[in-house]
Amino acid sequence: MDPLEFETEKEGSVTETTYTELPDYVKKESNKANNAWNRFVNQLDKLGYEPRATVILCQVVIEYYINRVLLLLNQKIKNENNKEKRFDEKLKIIKNLNFLNEEYHDDLLVLYEIRNIYAHEIEISKPRIKHKLNSIKHLKHVTRDYKTTEIGKHYFRLFDSYRKGLQRGFMELLIKEIEKQDTDSLDDFFEKITK
């Protein structure tokens, strides 16, 4: 399944996929992640979806799922100097492992570039941001009419769609990996990917 096959949801709703076929401890961790996401959404709501905060904070969540995928695939998230790898390096690894397709990879890089603009520039160039947003290929359902959409909520919908795709892909990969494990090593395996 393409991680980006998802339904369009009405604005403000946060609906998560339920995985009933997973072991209880995996469901528990999944529920913890979903509850954390809902608390996160409530915080963004309190901030009024301020664009800078929304972009930077949503990128943290995207990177969380990228890190979980890397750990699940026995990949290192730190380089030889014991510093965490850059986001683009992590994306390249999971793309090369066929977890991401080219388009999904490129779109996540664009979102990362937008995050960097908001994180490192005092004055934000709206034409530059608009150009970046228009280069996102996969999300046709998210409006591109910036005049009628609050930009912070627009960003949230973009990031949330990719978060859901990463979460869904991670859970499918997790199911496959669990099926490969013997029952004695499941606790060790699960501990490794939830660090």
N, C-alpha and C. Protein backbone atom coordinates (compact mmCIF):
# COMPACT_ATOMS: atom_id res chain seq x y z
N MET A 1 0.84 -1.19 0.00
CA MET A 1 0.00 0.00 0.00
C MET A 1 0.87 1.24 0.00
N ASP A 2 0.56 2.17 -0.84
CA ASP A 2 1.26 3.44 -0.86
C ASP A 2 0.94 4.18 0.43
N PRO A 3 1.97 4.60 1.19
CA PRO A 3 1.70 5.27 2.46
C PRO A 3 0.85 6.53 2.30
N LEU A 4 0.77 7.08 1.10
CA LEU A 4 0.01 8.31 0.93
C LEU A 4 -1.41 8.08 0.43
N GLU A 5 -1.88 6.86 0.46
CA GLU A 5 -3.28 6.62 0.15
C GLU A 5 -4.06 6.86 1.42
N PHE A 6 -4.74 7.99 1.49
CA PHE A 6 -5.50 8.33 2.68
C PHE A 6 -6.74 9.08 2.27
N GLU A 7 -7.70 9.12 3.17
CA GLU A 7 -8.93 9.82 2.90
C GLU A 7 -8.76 11.28 3.29
N THR A 8 -9.45 12.15 2.58
CA THR A 8 -9.47 13.55 2.97
C THR A 8 -10.38 13.66 4.18
N GLU A 9 -9.91 14.36 5.19
CA GLU A 9 -10.70 14.51 6.40
C GLU A 9 -11.13 15.95 6.54
N LYS A 10 -12.25 16.14 7.23
CA LYS A 10 -12.69 17.51 7.44
C LYS A 10 -11.72 18.21 8.37
N GLU A 11 -11.61 19.51 8.19
CA GLU A 11 -10.65 20.30 8.94
C GLU A 11 -10.87 20.16 10.44
N GLY A 12 -9.77 19.98 11.15
CA GLY A 12 -9.82 19.91 12.59
C GLY A 12 -9.97 18.51 13.15
N SER A 13 -10.33 17.55 12.31
CA SER A 13 -10.50 16.20 12.85
C SER A 13 -9.16 15.48 12.84
N VAL A 14 -8.95 14.66 13.82
CA VAL A 14 -7.74 13.85 13.89
C VAL A 14 -8.20 12.41 14.06
N THR A 15 -8.16 11.66 12.97
CA THR A 15 -8.61 10.28 12.99
C THR A 15 -7.41 9.40 12.70
N GLU A 16 -7.18 8.41 13.53
CA GLU A 16 -6.04 7.54 13.37
C GLU A 16 -6.49 6.16 12.95
N THR A 17 -5.63 5.45 12.27
CA THR A 17 -5.90 4.08 11.89
C THR A 17 -5.74 3.19 13.11
N THR A 18 -6.65 2.26 13.31
CA THR A 18 -6.56 1.31 14.41
C THR A 18 -6.04 -0.01 13.86
N TYR A 19 -5.08 -0.58 14.54
CA TYR A 19 -4.47 -1.83 14.12
C TYR A 19 -4.88 -2.92 15.11
N THR A 20 -5.95 -3.63 14.80
CA THR A 20 -6.47 -4.62 15.74
C THR A 20 -5.65 -5.91 15.75
N GLU A 21 -4.91 -6.18 14.69
CA GLU A 21 -4.18 -7.45 14.61
C GLU A 21 -2.81 -7.41 15.29
N LEU A 22 -2.47 -6.32 15.94
CA LEU A 22 -1.17 -6.20 16.59
C LEU A 22 -1.20 -6.74 18.01
N PRO A 23 -0.05 -7.18 18.51
CA PRO A 23 0.03 -7.58 19.92
C PRO A 23 -0.34 -6.41 20.83
N ASP A 24 -0.79 -6.72 22.03
CA ASP A 24 -1.26 -5.68 22.95
C ASP A 24 -0.21 -4.62 23.23
N TYR A 25 1.05 -5.01 23.43
CA TYR A 25 2.06 -4.00 23.76
C TYR A 25 2.33 -3.06 22.58
N VAL A 26 2.14 -3.56 21.36
CA VAL A 26 2.31 -2.68 20.19
C VAL A 26 1.12 -1.72 20.11
N LYS A 27 -0.07 -2.23 20.36
CA LYS A 27 -1.26 -1.36 20.37
C LYS A 27 -1.09 -0.27 21.42
N LYS A 28 -0.56 -0.65 22.58
CA LYS A 28 -0.37 0.31 23.66
C LYS A 28 0.57 1.44 23.22
N GLU A 29 1.68 1.08 22.58
CA GLU A 29 2.62 2.10 22.10
C GLU A 29 1.99 2.96 21.01
N SER A 30 1.22 2.34 20.13
CA SER A 30 0.52 3.08 19.08
C SER A 30 -0.47 4.05 19.69
N ASN A 31 -1.20 3.61 20.70
CA ASN A 31 -2.15 4.49 21.38
C ASN A 31 -1.45 5.64 22.07
N LYS A 32 -0.27 5.36 22.67
CA LYS A 32 0.51 6.42 23.30
C LYS A 32 0.91 7.48 22.27
N ALA A 33 1.35 7.02 21.11
CA ALA A 33 1.75 7.95 20.05
C ALA A 33 0.55 8.78 19.58
N ASN A 34 -0.59 8.12 19.42
CA ASN A 34 -1.78 8.85 18.98
C ASN A 34 -2.24 9.86 20.03
N ASN A 35 -2.18 9.47 21.31
CA ASN A 35 -2.55 10.41 22.37
C ASN A 35 -1.59 11.59 22.41
N ALA A 36 -0.30 11.32 22.22
CA ALA A 36 0.68 12.41 22.19
C ALA A 36 0.39 13.34 21.02
N TRP A 37 0.02 12.75 19.87
CA TRP A 37 -0.32 13.58 18.70
C TRP A 37 -1.53 14.45 19.00
N ASN A 38 -2.55 13.90 19.63
CA ASN A 38 -3.74 14.69 19.95
C ASN A 38 -3.41 15.82 20.91
N ARG A 39 -2.53 15.58 21.89
CA ARG A 39 -2.10 16.66 22.79
C ARG A 39 -1.34 17.73 21.99
N PHE A 40 -0.53 17.28 21.06
CA PHE A 40 0.23 18.18 20.20
C PHE A 40 -0.73 19.06 19.38
N VAL A 41 -1.77 18.46 18.82
CA VAL A 41 -2.75 19.20 18.03
C VAL A 41 -3.45 20.24 18.91
N ASN A 42 -3.77 19.87 20.14
CA ASN A 42 -4.40 20.82 21.06
C ASN A 42 -3.48 22.01 21.33
N GLN A 43 -2.17 21.75 21.44
CA GLN A 43 -1.22 22.85 21.65
C GLN A 43 -1.17 23.77 20.43
N LEU A 44 -1.16 23.18 19.25
CA LEU A 44 -1.16 24.01 18.03
C LEU A 44 -2.43 24.84 17.96
N ASP A 45 -3.54 24.25 18.36
CA ASP A 45 -4.81 24.97 18.37
C ASP A 45 -4.72 26.17 19.31
N LYS A 46 -4.12 25.97 20.49
CA LYS A 46 -3.95 27.08 21.44
C LYS A 46 -3.06 28.17 20.87
N LEU A 47 -2.10 27.78 20.05
CA LEU A 47 -1.21 28.76 19.41
C LEU A 47 -1.86 29.40 18.19
N GLY A 48 -3.06 28.97 17.86
CA GLY A 48 -3.75 29.50 16.69
C GLY A 48 -3.11 29.07 15.38
N TYR A 49 -2.42 27.96 15.40
CA TYR A 49 -1.73 27.44 14.21
C TYR A 49 -0.80 28.49 13.61
N GLU A 50 -0.11 29.21 14.49
CA GLU A 50 0.86 30.20 14.03
C GLU A 50 1.82 29.49 13.08
N PRO A 51 2.02 30.03 11.85
CA PRO A 51 2.77 29.29 10.83
C PRO A 51 4.16 28.83 11.25
N ARG A 52 4.96 29.70 11.85
CA ARG A 52 6.34 29.32 12.19
C ARG A 52 6.33 28.16 13.20
N ALA A 53 5.54 28.29 14.23
CA ALA A 53 5.47 27.23 15.24
C ALA A 53 4.93 25.94 14.64
N THR A 54 3.90 26.05 13.81
CA THR A 54 3.29 24.86 13.21
C THR A 54 4.29 24.10 12.36
N VAL A 55 5.00 24.80 11.50
CA VAL A 55 5.96 24.15 10.60
C VAL A 55 7.08 23.48 11.39
N ILE A 56 7.67 24.20 12.33
CA ILE A 56 8.80 23.66 13.08
C ILE A 56 8.38 22.47 13.93
N LEU A 57 7.26 22.59 14.62
CA LEU A 57 6.82 21.50 15.49
C LEU A 57 6.35 20.29 14.70
N CYS A 58 5.68 20.51 13.59
CA CYS A 58 5.23 19.37 12.78
C CYS A 58 6.42 18.60 12.20
N GLN A 59 7.48 19.30 11.86
CA GLN A 59 8.67 18.63 11.34
C GLN A 59 9.28 17.71 12.39
N VAL A 60 9.20 18.09 13.65
CA VAL A 60 9.70 17.23 14.73
C VAL A 60 8.96 15.90 14.72
N VAL A 61 7.66 15.94 14.52
CA VAL A 61 6.85 14.72 14.50
C VAL A 61 7.22 13.86 13.28
N ILE A 62 7.40 14.48 12.13
CA ILE A 62 7.80 13.75 10.92
C ILE A 62 9.13 13.04 11.18
N GLU A 63 10.08 13.75 11.77
CA GLU A 63 11.39 13.16 12.03
C GLU A 63 11.30 12.03 13.05
N TYR A 64 10.39 12.13 14.00
CA TYR A 64 10.17 11.05 14.95
C TYR A 64 9.85 9.76 14.21
N TYR A 65 8.93 9.82 13.25
CA TYR A 65 8.57 8.61 12.51
C TYR A 65 9.69 8.13 11.60
N ILE A 66 10.43 9.05 11.02
CA ILE A 66 11.59 8.66 10.21
C ILE A 66 12.59 7.90 11.08
N ASN A 67 12.85 8.40 12.28
CA ASN A 67 13.78 7.72 13.20
C ASN A 67 13.27 6.33 13.56
N ARG A 68 11.98 6.17 13.80
CA ARG A 68 11.42 4.86 14.15
C ARG A 68 11.59 3.88 12.99
N VAL A 69 11.38 4.36 11.78
CA VAL A 69 11.55 3.49 10.60
C VAL A 69 13.01 3.05 10.51
N LEU A 70 13.93 3.99 10.69
CA LEU A 70 15.36 3.64 10.61
C LEU A 70 15.73 2.61 11.65
N LEU A 71 15.27 2.79 12.88
CA LEU A 71 15.57 1.82 13.93
C LEU A 71 14.97 0.46 13.62
N LEU A 72 13.76 0.47 13.10
CA LEU A 72 13.10 -0.78 12.74
C LEU A 72 13.86 -1.52 11.63
N LEU A 73 14.46 -0.77 10.74
CA LEU A 73 15.23 -1.35 9.63
C LEU A 73 16.71 -1.55 9.99
N ASN A 74 17.01 -1.49 11.29
CA ASN A 74 18.38 -1.68 11.78
C ASN A 74 19.36 -0.68 11.18
N GLN A 75 18.92 0.54 11.01
CA GLN A 75 19.78 1.59 10.48
C GLN A 75 20.14 2.55 11.61
N LYS A 76 21.30 3.14 11.51
CA LYS A 76 21.76 4.06 12.54
C LYS A 76 21.21 5.46 12.27
N ILE A 77 20.82 6.14 13.34
CA ILE A 77 20.36 7.52 13.18
C ILE A 77 21.46 8.51 13.58
N LYS A 78 22.61 7.96 14.01
CA LYS A 78 23.75 8.82 14.35
C LYS A 78 24.89 8.51 13.39
N ASN A 79 25.71 9.53 13.14
CA ASN A 79 26.86 9.34 12.25
C ASN A 79 28.07 8.84 13.04
N GLU A 80 29.20 8.76 12.37
CA GLU A 80 30.41 8.22 13.01
C GLU A 80 30.91 9.10 14.16
N ASN A 81 30.51 10.38 14.20
CA ASN A 81 30.88 11.29 15.30
C ASN A 81 29.84 11.27 16.42
N ASN A 82 28.93 10.32 16.36
CA ASN A 82 27.85 10.15 17.35
C ASN A 82 26.89 11.34 17.38
N LYS A 83 26.81 12.06 16.27
CA LYS A 83 25.83 13.14 16.14
C LYS A 83 24.70 12.63 15.26
N GLU A 84 23.50 13.10 15.55
CA GLU A 84 22.36 12.63 14.77
C GLU A 84 22.51 13.07 13.31
N LYS A 85 22.19 12.15 12.42
CA LYS A 85 22.26 12.45 10.99
C LYS A 85 21.25 13.52 10.63
N ARG A 86 21.56 14.26 9.56
CA ARG A 86 20.63 15.27 9.07
C ARG A 86 19.39 14.59 8.50
N PHE A 87 18.31 15.32 8.48
CA PHE A 87 17.03 14.79 8.00
C PHE A 87 17.15 14.26 6.57
N ASP A 88 17.82 15.01 5.70
CA ASP A 88 17.93 14.57 4.31
C ASP A 88 18.74 13.27 4.20
N GLU A 89 19.73 13.08 5.08
CA GLU A 89 20.50 11.83 5.08
C GLU A 89 19.61 10.65 5.49
N LYS A 90 18.78 10.88 6.50
CA LYS A 90 17.87 9.83 6.96
C LYS A 90 16.86 9.47 5.86
N LEU A 91 16.33 10.49 5.21
CA LEU A 91 15.37 10.23 4.13
C LEU A 91 16.00 9.41 3.01
N LYS A 92 17.23 9.74 2.67
CA LYS A 92 17.92 9.01 1.60
C LYS A 92 18.07 7.54 1.96
N ILE A 93 18.38 7.26 3.22
CA ILE A 93 18.54 5.87 3.66
C ILE A 93 17.24 5.11 3.48
N ILE A 94 16.14 5.67 3.99
CA ILE A 94 14.90 4.90 3.90
C ILE A 94 14.34 4.85 2.48
N LYS A 95 14.69 5.85 1.68
CA LYS A 95 14.32 5.77 0.26
C LYS A 95 15.09 4.64 -0.42
N ASN A 96 16.39 4.55 -0.13
CA ASN A 96 17.21 3.48 -0.72
C ASN A 96 16.80 2.09 -0.25
N LEU A 97 16.14 2.03 0.91
CA LEU A 97 15.63 0.75 1.42
C LEU A 97 14.21 0.48 0.93
N ASN A 98 13.77 1.28 -0.02
CA ASN A 98 12.45 1.15 -0.65
C ASN A 98 11.28 1.35 0.30
N PHE A 99 11.48 2.14 1.35
CA PHE A 99 10.36 2.49 2.21
C PHE A 99 9.61 3.69 1.64
N LEU A 100 10.32 4.58 0.98
CA LEU A 100 9.72 5.76 0.37
C LEU A 100 9.88 5.70 -1.14
N ASN A 101 8.85 6.14 -1.85
CA ASN A 101 9.03 6.29 -3.29
C ASN A 101 9.64 7.67 -3.57
N GLU A 102 10.05 7.89 -4.78
CA GLU A 102 10.76 9.12 -5.17
C GLU A 102 9.93 10.38 -4.88
N GLU A 103 8.66 10.34 -5.22
CA GLU A 103 7.80 11.51 -5.05
C GLU A 103 7.60 11.84 -3.57
N TYR A 104 7.36 10.83 -2.77
CA TYR A 104 7.17 11.02 -1.34
C TYR A 104 8.44 11.58 -0.71
N HIS A 105 9.57 11.03 -1.10
CA HIS A 105 10.88 11.51 -0.64
C HIS A 105 11.06 12.98 -0.98
N ASP A 106 10.80 13.33 -2.24
CA ASP A 106 10.97 14.71 -2.69
C ASP A 106 10.06 15.67 -1.92
N ASP A 107 8.81 15.26 -1.70
CA ASP A 107 7.87 16.11 -0.98
C ASP A 107 8.31 16.33 0.47
N LEU A 108 8.81 15.28 1.11
CA LEU A 108 9.30 15.43 2.49
C LEU A 108 10.51 16.35 2.54
N LEU A 109 11.34 16.33 1.52
CA LEU A 109 12.47 17.26 1.46
C LEU A 109 11.98 18.70 1.31
N VAL A 110 10.94 18.90 0.52
CA VAL A 110 10.38 20.25 0.38
C VAL A 110 9.84 20.74 1.72
N LEU A 111 9.12 19.88 2.43
CA LEU A 111 8.62 20.27 3.74
C LEU A 111 9.77 20.61 4.69
N TYR A 112 10.86 19.86 4.59
CA TYR A 112 12.04 20.14 5.41
C TYR A 112 12.67 21.49 5.03
N GLU A 113 12.70 21.79 3.74
CA GLU A 113 13.22 23.09 3.29
C GLU A 113 12.35 24.23 3.82
N ILE A 114 11.04 24.02 3.82
CA ILE A 114 10.13 25.04 4.37
C ILE A 114 10.39 25.20 5.86
N ARG A 115 10.60 24.09 6.55
CA ARG A 115 10.92 24.14 7.98
C ARG A 115 12.19 24.95 8.21
N ASN A 116 13.20 24.73 7.38
CA ASN A 116 14.46 25.46 7.53
C ASN A 116 14.29 26.96 7.31
N ILE A 117 13.45 27.32 6.37
CA ILE A 117 13.19 28.74 6.13
C ILE A 117 12.59 29.36 7.39
N TYR A 118 11.58 28.70 7.94
CA TYR A 118 10.93 29.23 9.15
C TYR A 118 11.85 29.21 10.36
N ALA A 119 12.73 28.23 10.44
CA ALA A 119 13.60 28.10 11.61
C ALA A 119 14.79 29.06 11.57
N HIS A 120 15.23 29.45 10.38
CA HIS A 120 16.49 30.19 10.28
C HIS A 120 16.39 31.59 9.71
N GLU A 121 15.23 31.98 9.24
CA GLU A 121 15.10 33.31 8.66
C GLU A 121 14.12 34.16 9.47
N ILE A 122 14.50 35.40 9.70
CA ILE A 122 13.63 36.30 10.47
C ILE A 122 12.47 36.76 9.59
N GLU A 123 12.77 37.21 8.40
CA GLU A 123 11.73 37.65 7.46
C GLU A 123 11.45 36.51 6.49
N ILE A 124 10.20 36.13 6.40
CA ILE A 124 9.80 35.02 5.53
C ILE A 124 9.31 35.57 4.20
N SER A 125 9.91 35.09 3.12
CA SER A 125 9.51 35.49 1.77
C SER A 125 8.30 34.66 1.33
N LYS A 126 7.13 35.31 1.25
CA LYS A 126 5.92 34.58 0.86
C LYS A 126 6.03 33.97 -0.54
N PRO A 127 6.58 34.70 -1.52
CA PRO A 127 6.71 34.06 -2.85
C PRO A 127 7.60 32.82 -2.82
N ARG A 128 8.66 32.87 -2.02
CA ARG A 128 9.56 31.71 -1.92
C ARG A 128 8.84 30.52 -1.29
N ILE A 129 8.08 30.77 -0.22
CA ILE A 129 7.31 29.71 0.43
C ILE A 129 6.26 29.17 -0.53
N LYS A 130 5.56 30.06 -1.21
CA LYS A 130 4.51 29.63 -2.15
C LYS A 130 5.11 28.76 -3.24
N HIS A 131 6.27 29.14 -3.73
CA HIS A 131 6.95 28.33 -4.75
C HIS A 131 7.26 26.93 -4.21
N LYS A 132 7.76 26.87 -2.99
CA LYS A 132 8.05 25.56 -2.38
C LYS A 132 6.78 24.74 -2.23
N LEU A 133 5.72 25.35 -1.71
CA LEU A 133 4.46 24.62 -1.52
C LEU A 133 3.91 24.11 -2.85
N ASN A 134 4.03 24.92 -3.89
CA ASN A 134 3.53 24.50 -5.20
C ASN A 134 4.33 23.35 -5.80
N SER A 135 5.53 23.11 -5.28
CA SER A 135 6.33 22.01 -5.81
C SER A 135 5.99 20.67 -5.15
N ILE A 136 5.13 20.68 -4.13
CA ILE A 136 4.71 19.43 -3.50
C ILE A 136 3.76 18.73 -4.45
N LYS A 137 4.14 17.52 -4.85
CA LYS A 137 3.44 16.82 -5.93
C LYS A 137 2.25 15.99 -5.48
N HIS A 138 2.36 15.38 -4.33
CA HIS A 138 1.45 14.30 -3.99
C HIS A 138 0.12 14.73 -3.38
N LEU A 139 0.06 15.90 -2.79
CA LEU A 139 -1.14 16.27 -2.04
C LEU A 139 -2.04 17.21 -2.82
N LYS A 140 -2.80 16.66 -3.71
CA LYS A 140 -3.71 17.47 -4.52
C LYS A 140 -4.95 17.88 -3.75
N HIS A 141 -5.29 17.13 -2.68
CA HIS A 141 -6.51 17.45 -1.94
C HIS A 141 -6.36 18.64 -1.01
N VAL A 142 -5.12 19.03 -0.72
CA VAL A 142 -4.92 20.18 0.17
C VAL A 142 -4.96 21.43 -0.69
N THR A 143 -5.79 22.36 -0.30
CA THR A 143 -6.00 23.55 -1.13
C THR A 143 -4.70 24.29 -1.40
N ARG A 144 -4.60 24.81 -2.57
CA ARG A 144 -3.46 25.66 -2.91
C ARG A 144 -3.89 27.13 -2.99
N ASP A 145 -5.11 27.41 -2.55
CA ASP A 145 -5.61 28.78 -2.54
C ASP A 145 -5.25 29.41 -1.20
N TYR A 146 -4.12 30.10 -1.17
CA TYR A 146 -3.59 30.62 0.08
C TYR A 146 -4.38 31.81 0.60
N LYS A 147 -5.23 32.42 -0.24
CA LYS A 147 -6.00 33.57 0.20
C LYS A 147 -7.18 33.16 1.06
N THR A 148 -7.72 31.97 0.85
CA THR A 148 -8.91 31.55 1.59
C THR A 148 -8.58 30.55 2.70
N THR A 149 -7.34 30.20 2.86
CA THR A 149 -6.94 29.23 3.87
C THR A 149 -5.96 29.88 4.83
N GLU A 150 -6.18 29.66 6.11
CA GLU A 150 -5.20 30.12 7.08
C GLU A 150 -3.94 29.30 6.86
N ILE A 151 -2.82 29.96 6.65
CA ILE A 151 -1.60 29.28 6.24
C ILE A 151 -1.13 28.28 7.29
N GLY A 152 -1.27 28.59 8.57
CA GLY A 152 -0.85 27.64 9.61
C GLY A 152 -1.64 26.35 9.53
N LYS A 153 -2.94 26.43 9.31
CA LYS A 153 -3.76 25.22 9.19
C LYS A 153 -3.43 24.48 7.90
N HIS A 154 -3.08 25.22 6.86
CA HIS A 154 -2.65 24.61 5.60
C HIS A 154 -1.40 23.77 5.85
N TYR A 155 -0.43 24.35 6.54
CA TYR A 155 0.78 23.60 6.87
C TYR A 155 0.45 22.36 7.69
N PHE A 156 -0.41 22.55 8.69
CA PHE A 156 -0.77 21.43 9.54
C PHE A 156 -1.34 20.29 8.71
N ARG A 157 -2.25 20.58 7.78
CA ARG A 157 -2.85 19.53 6.96
C ARG A 157 -1.80 18.84 6.10
N LEU A 158 -0.85 19.61 5.57
CA LEU A 158 0.23 19.01 4.79
C LEU A 158 1.04 18.03 5.64
N PHE A 159 1.55 18.52 6.75
CA PHE A 159 2.38 17.68 7.62
C PHE A 159 1.61 16.50 8.17
N ASP A 160 0.34 16.72 8.55
CA ASP A 160 -0.46 15.65 9.12
C ASP A 160 -0.68 14.53 8.11
N SER A 161 -0.88 14.88 6.86
CA SER A 161 -1.05 13.85 5.83
C SER A 161 0.20 12.99 5.69
N TYR A 162 1.35 13.63 5.70
CA TYR A 162 2.60 12.87 5.60
C TYR A 162 2.88 12.08 6.87
N ARG A 163 2.55 12.65 8.02
CA ARG A 163 2.70 11.93 9.28
C ARG A 163 1.88 10.65 9.25
N LYS A 164 0.64 10.76 8.81
CA LYS A 164 -0.23 9.58 8.75
C LYS A 164 0.34 8.54 7.78
N GLY A 165 0.86 8.99 6.66
CA GLY A 165 1.46 8.05 5.72
C GLY A 165 2.66 7.35 6.32
N LEU A 166 3.52 8.11 7.00
CA LEU A 166 4.69 7.50 7.65
C LEU A 166 4.26 6.56 8.75
N GLN A 167 3.27 6.96 9.53
CA GLN A 167 2.80 6.10 10.61
C GLN A 167 2.22 4.80 10.05
N ARG A 168 1.42 4.91 9.00
CA ARG A 168 0.82 3.72 8.39
C ARG A 168 1.91 2.80 7.82
N GLY A 169 2.87 3.40 7.11
CA GLY A 169 3.97 2.60 6.56
C GLY A 169 4.79 1.94 7.65
N PHE A 170 5.04 2.70 8.74
CA PHE A 170 5.78 2.15 9.86
C PHE A 170 5.04 0.96 10.47
N MET A 171 3.73 1.10 10.67
CA MET A 171 2.97 0.02 11.29
C MET A 171 2.95 -1.22 10.39
N GLU A 172 2.84 -1.03 9.09
CA GLU A 172 2.88 -2.18 8.18
C GLU A 172 4.24 -2.86 8.22
N LEU A 173 5.29 -2.06 8.25
CA LEU A 173 6.64 -2.61 8.35
C LEU A 173 6.83 -3.32 9.70
N LEU A 174 6.30 -2.73 10.74
CA LEU A 174 6.38 -3.33 12.07
C LEU A 174 5.70 -4.70 12.09
N ILE A 175 4.54 -4.80 11.50
CA ILE A 175 3.82 -6.09 11.45
C ILE A 175 4.68 -7.14 10.75
N LYS A 176 5.28 -6.76 9.62
CA LYS A 176 6.14 -7.71 8.88
C LYS A 176 7.33 -8.14 9.73
N GLU A 177 7.95 -7.17 10.42
CA GLU A 177 9.11 -7.50 11.25
C GLU A 177 8.73 -8.37 12.44
N ILE A 178 7.58 -8.11 13.05
CA ILE A 178 7.12 -8.92 14.18
C ILE A 178 6.89 -10.36 13.73
N GLU A 179 6.34 -10.52 12.54
CA GLU A 179 6.09 -11.87 12.04
C GLU A 179 7.38 -12.66 11.85
N LYS A 180 8.50 -11.96 11.63
CA LYS A 180 9.80 -12.63 11.45
C LYS A 180 10.44 -13.03 12.78
N GLN A 181 10.04 -12.38 13.87
CA GLN A 181 10.69 -12.58 15.17
C GLN A 181 10.15 -13.85 15.84
N ASP A 182 11.02 -14.48 16.64
CA ASP A 182 10.49 -15.55 17.49
C ASP A 182 9.94 -14.90 18.75
N THR A 183 9.07 -15.57 19.43
CA THR A 183 8.38 -14.96 20.57
C THR A 183 9.32 -14.58 21.70
N ASP A 184 10.46 -15.25 21.85
CA ASP A 184 11.40 -14.93 22.92
C ASP A 184 12.09 -13.58 22.70
N SER A 185 12.24 -13.19 21.45
CA SER A 185 12.98 -11.96 21.18
C SER A 185 12.07 -10.75 20.93
N LEU A 186 10.76 -10.92 21.02
CA LEU A 186 9.85 -9.80 20.73
C LEU A 186 10.04 -8.63 21.69
N ASP A 187 10.23 -8.90 22.97
CA ASP A 187 10.42 -7.80 23.91
C ASP A 187 11.68 -7.01 23.60
N ASP A 188 12.78 -7.70 23.30
CA ASP A 188 14.02 -7.01 22.93
C ASP A 188 13.83 -6.21 21.64
N PHE A 189 13.17 -6.84 20.69
CA PHE A 189 12.92 -6.18 19.41
C PHE A 189 12.10 -4.91 19.62
N PHE A 190 11.04 -5.01 20.39
CA PHE A 190 10.17 -3.84 20.59
C PHE A 190 10.88 -2.76 21.38
N GLU A 191 11.70 -3.13 22.34
CA GLU A 191 12.45 -2.15 23.12
C GLU A 191 13.40 -1.37 22.20
N LYS A 192 13.99 -2.05 21.25
CA LYS A 192 14.93 -1.42 20.32
C LYS A 192 14.27 -0.30 19.52
N ILE A 193 13.05 -0.53 19.07
CA ILE A 193 12.42 0.46 18.18
C ILE A 193 11.64 1.52 18.90
N THR A 194 11.50 1.42 20.22
CA THR A 194 10.75 2.44 20.96
C THR A 194 11.65 3.33 21.79
N LYS A 195 12.95 3.22 21.61
CA LYS A 195 13.91 4.06 22.36
C LYS A 195 13.73 5.52 21.96
